Amino acid sequence: MMVDAEKLKLVEDRQALELVPTWEAQGWWYLAGAAIIVLIISLFIYSRRNKNFQDPDKEKREAYKTAQSDFAELGEMDPRGMAVGVSLILRGYLARTVKEPALFETHEEFIGRHDSLAELPDDVREETSEFFSKLAELKYGPGKEADPDLAGTDGDIVDVHPVAEGIKAEGKTLLERIHAA
């Protein structure tokens, strides 16, 4: 028996890389990739759209405009009424801009707090404190008949309109200084 030597010859007709299984992309891989891309784009758009960018000075400008319009709305009144109105306007402005609780405090509580108006420069803080003390004297002090500044030489009551307007003007000036600080 003779064996054909040609048949027993070792022949390598395949390359080694042909034996390695090939990876074929299946449909779900395409869907997963597209979903990831859509998710990234959606998160980017969502973060850009919902970014609450707030101008740090916006509240201060709005409070200033409100205070200015409140000053303009103050009509003619006696010094005590003007002092109350100016005090409320300035305290409201401070409450909105520097988160000062002065609007909700009595004058004694305000001056008793060591950290009152801490965000303001020293000169403005002192001027504000002095002005609030002056307003407190007008609001809680004796009536105009006991005030020597308001009484004439013969004891008659003089026109209090200029005094009230002076309080209003001082309040506006202080508002300007606080706002600029």
Protein backbone atom coordinates (compact mmCIF):
# COMPACT_ATOMS: atom_id res chain seq x y z
CA MET A 1 0.00 0.00 0.00
CA MET A 2 1.38 2.94 -0.99
CA VAL A 3 0.39 6.26 0.38
CA ASP A 4 0.42 9.20 -1.80
CA ALA A 5 2.98 11.59 -0.39
CA GLU A 6 1.21 14.53 -1.93
CA LYS A 7 -1.84 13.98 0.20
CA LEU A 8 0.11 13.88 3.40
CA LYS A 9 1.97 17.06 2.68
CA LEU A 10 1.33 19.78 5.28
CA VAL A 11 -0.16 22.80 3.58
CA GLU A 12 -1.02 26.01 5.34
CA ASP A 13 -3.39 27.82 3.12
CA ARG A 14 -4.91 30.12 5.75
CA GLN A 15 -3.31 33.12 7.35
CA ALA A 16 -3.21 33.25 11.14
CA LEU A 17 -5.35 36.43 11.24
CA GLU A 18 -8.09 34.66 9.39
CA LEU A 19 -8.52 32.42 12.40
CA VAL A 20 -9.17 35.34 14.76
CA PRO A 21 -12.92 36.03 14.99
CA THR A 22 -13.93 39.28 13.44
CA TRP A 23 -16.08 41.85 15.25
CA GLU A 24 -19.08 42.95 13.37
CA ALA A 25 -21.02 45.93 14.58
CA GLN A 26 -24.52 45.00 15.42
CA GLY A 27 -27.45 47.38 15.24
CA TRP A 28 -27.73 47.93 18.98
CA TRP A 29 -24.13 49.25 19.11
CA TYR A 30 -25.14 51.99 16.71
CA LEU A 31 -28.18 52.81 18.81
CA ALA A 32 -26.14 52.92 22.03
CA GLY A 33 -23.58 55.25 20.47
CA ALA A 34 -26.27 57.54 19.09
CA ALA A 35 -28.03 57.59 22.47
CA ILE A 36 -24.83 58.60 24.24
CA ILE A 37 -24.20 61.40 21.73
CA VAL A 38 -27.79 62.66 22.06
CA LEU A 39 -27.49 62.53 25.87
CA ILE A 40 -24.29 64.58 25.85
CA ILE A 41 -25.78 67.18 23.51
CA SER A 42 -28.98 67.35 25.59
CA LEU A 43 -27.06 67.85 28.82
CA PHE A 44 -24.98 70.60 27.22
CA ILE A 45 -28.06 72.43 25.91
CA TYR A 46 -29.92 71.98 29.20
CA SER A 47 -27.02 73.30 31.27
CA ARG A 48 -26.62 76.35 28.99
CA ARG A 49 -30.33 77.11 28.96
CA ASN A 50 -30.97 76.69 32.69
CA LYS A 51 -27.87 78.39 33.93
CA ASN A 52 -29.16 80.99 36.35
CA PHE A 53 -26.67 83.66 35.64
CA GLN A 54 -27.44 86.49 37.96
CA ASP A 55 -25.83 89.83 37.81
CA PRO A 56 -24.59 90.46 41.35
CA ASP A 57 -25.42 94.16 41.08
CA LYS A 58 -28.89 93.65 39.61
CA GLU A 59 -30.64 93.49 43.00
CA LYS A 60 -28.71 96.54 44.16
CA ARG A 61 -29.73 98.54 41.07
CA GLU A 62 -33.36 97.48 41.41
CA ALA A 63 -33.41 98.37 45.11
CA TYR A 64 -31.85 101.74 44.29
CA LYS A 65 -34.47 102.48 41.63
CA THR A 66 -37.22 101.46 44.03
CA ALA A 67 -35.80 103.70 46.75
CA GLN A 68 -35.51 106.63 44.35
CA SER A 69 -39.11 106.21 43.23
CA ASP A 70 -40.21 105.91 46.88
CA PHE A 71 -38.44 109.19 47.64
CA ALA A 72 -40.20 110.80 44.67
CA GLU A 73 -43.56 109.57 45.99
CA LEU A 74 -43.04 111.13 49.43
CA GLY A 75 -45.42 114.05 49.51
CA GLU A 76 -45.55 117.06 51.78
CA MET A 77 -45.71 116.07 55.41
CA ASP A 78 -44.52 117.09 58.82
CA PRO A 79 -40.94 116.25 59.89
CA ARG A 80 -42.06 113.27 61.96
CA GLY A 81 -43.92 111.70 59.04
CA MET A 82 -41.01 112.47 56.71
CA ALA A 83 -38.59 110.87 59.17
CA VAL A 84 -40.71 107.73 59.27
CA GLY A 85 -40.93 107.59 55.47
CA VAL A 86 -37.23 108.22 54.88
CA SER A 87 -36.30 105.69 57.56
CA LEU A 88 -38.47 103.01 55.96
CA ILE A 89 -37.05 103.70 52.50
CA LEU A 90 -33.43 103.55 53.65
CA ARG A 91 -33.99 100.50 55.85
CA GLY A 92 -35.78 98.75 52.97
CA TYR A 93 -32.86 99.53 50.67
CA LEU A 94 -30.39 98.15 53.22
CA ALA A 95 -32.51 95.05 53.71
CA ARG A 96 -32.43 94.30 49.98
CA THR A 97 -28.83 95.17 49.21
CA VAL A 98 -26.70 94.23 52.19
CA LYS A 99 -29.23 91.89 53.85
CA GLU A 100 -29.37 94.21 56.84
CA PRO A 101 -32.26 93.36 59.20
CA ALA A 102 -32.61 97.04 60.20
CA LEU A 103 -36.04 97.15 58.57
CA PHE A 104 -37.35 94.77 61.20
CA GLU A 105 -35.54 96.23 64.22
CA THR A 106 -36.11 99.10 66.54
CA HIS A 107 -33.54 101.87 66.58
CA GLU A 108 -32.15 100.57 69.88
CA GLU A 109 -31.70 97.08 68.47
CA PHE A 110 -30.06 98.51 65.37
CA ILE A 111 -27.48 100.60 67.21
CA GLY A 112 -26.97 97.84 69.79
CA ARG A 113 -25.82 95.33 67.20
CA HIS A 114 -22.06 95.43 66.68
CA ASP A 115 -22.26 93.95 63.20
CA SER A 116 -24.83 96.40 61.85
CA LEU A 117 -23.90 97.71 58.42
CA ALA A 118 -20.70 95.64 58.45
CA GLU A 119 -20.54 95.53 54.65
CA LEU A 120 -20.36 99.33 54.34
CA PRO A 121 -17.15 101.38 54.61
CA ASP A 122 -16.54 102.94 58.02
CA ASP A 123 -17.35 106.51 57.02
CA VAL A 124 -20.63 105.53 55.35
CA ARG A 125 -21.52 103.25 58.25
CA GLU A 126 -21.00 106.07 60.74
CA GLU A 127 -22.92 108.57 58.63
CA THR A 128 -25.80 106.10 58.29
CA SER A 129 -25.85 105.43 62.01
CA GLU A 130 -25.88 109.13 62.82
CA PHE A 131 -28.66 109.79 60.31
CA PHE A 132 -30.77 106.96 61.71
CA SER A 133 -30.24 108.44 65.20
CA LYS A 134 -31.41 111.82 63.92
CA LEU A 135 -34.46 110.18 62.35
CA ALA A 136 -35.18 108.34 65.60
CA GLU A 137 -35.11 111.65 67.49
CA LEU A 138 -37.62 113.10 65.06
CA LYS A 139 -39.82 110.00 65.07
CA TYR A 140 -39.86 109.32 68.79
CA GLY A 141 -38.96 112.73 70.27
CA PRO A 142 -41.36 115.37 71.53
CA GLY A 143 -43.77 117.00 69.10
CA LYS A 144 -42.96 120.01 66.95
CA GLU A 145 -44.28 122.41 69.54
CA ALA A 146 -41.46 121.35 71.89
CA ASP A 147 -38.77 121.48 69.21
CA PRO A 148 -36.89 124.80 69.43
CA ASP A 149 -35.75 124.51 65.81
CA LEU A 150 -39.35 124.56 64.68
CA ALA A 151 -40.62 127.30 66.97
CA GLY A 152 -40.39 130.94 65.96
CA THR A 153 -38.99 133.70 68.18
CA ASP A 154 -42.42 134.55 69.52
CA GLY A 155 -43.33 130.92 70.16
CA ASP A 156 -45.39 130.48 66.98
CA ILE A 157 -44.91 127.32 65.00
CA VAL A 158 -43.03 128.01 61.79
CA ASP A 159 -43.54 126.28 58.48
CA VAL A 160 -42.23 122.73 58.87
CA HIS A 161 -42.17 122.01 55.16
CA PRO A 162 -38.50 123.10 54.72
CA VAL A 163 -37.46 120.93 57.67
CA ALA A 164 -39.23 117.89 56.20
CA GLU A 165 -37.72 118.59 52.78
CA GLY A 166 -34.28 118.84 54.41
CA ILE A 167 -34.76 115.41 55.94
CA LYS A 168 -35.80 114.06 52.56
CA ALA A 169 -32.76 115.65 50.87
CA GLU A 170 -30.41 114.23 53.52
CA GLY A 171 -31.99 110.81 53.04
CA LYS A 172 -31.48 110.98 49.27
CA THR A 173 -27.86 112.02 49.75
CA LEU A 174 -27.27 109.15 52.16
CA LEU A 175 -28.91 106.74 49.72
CA GLU A 176 -26.47 107.93 47.04
CA ARG A 177 -23.51 107.37 49.37
CA ILE A 178 -24.68 103.93 50.44
CA HIS A 179 -25.33 102.93 46.84
CA ALA A 180 -21.91 104.14 45.71
CA ALA A 181 -20.17 102.22 48.51
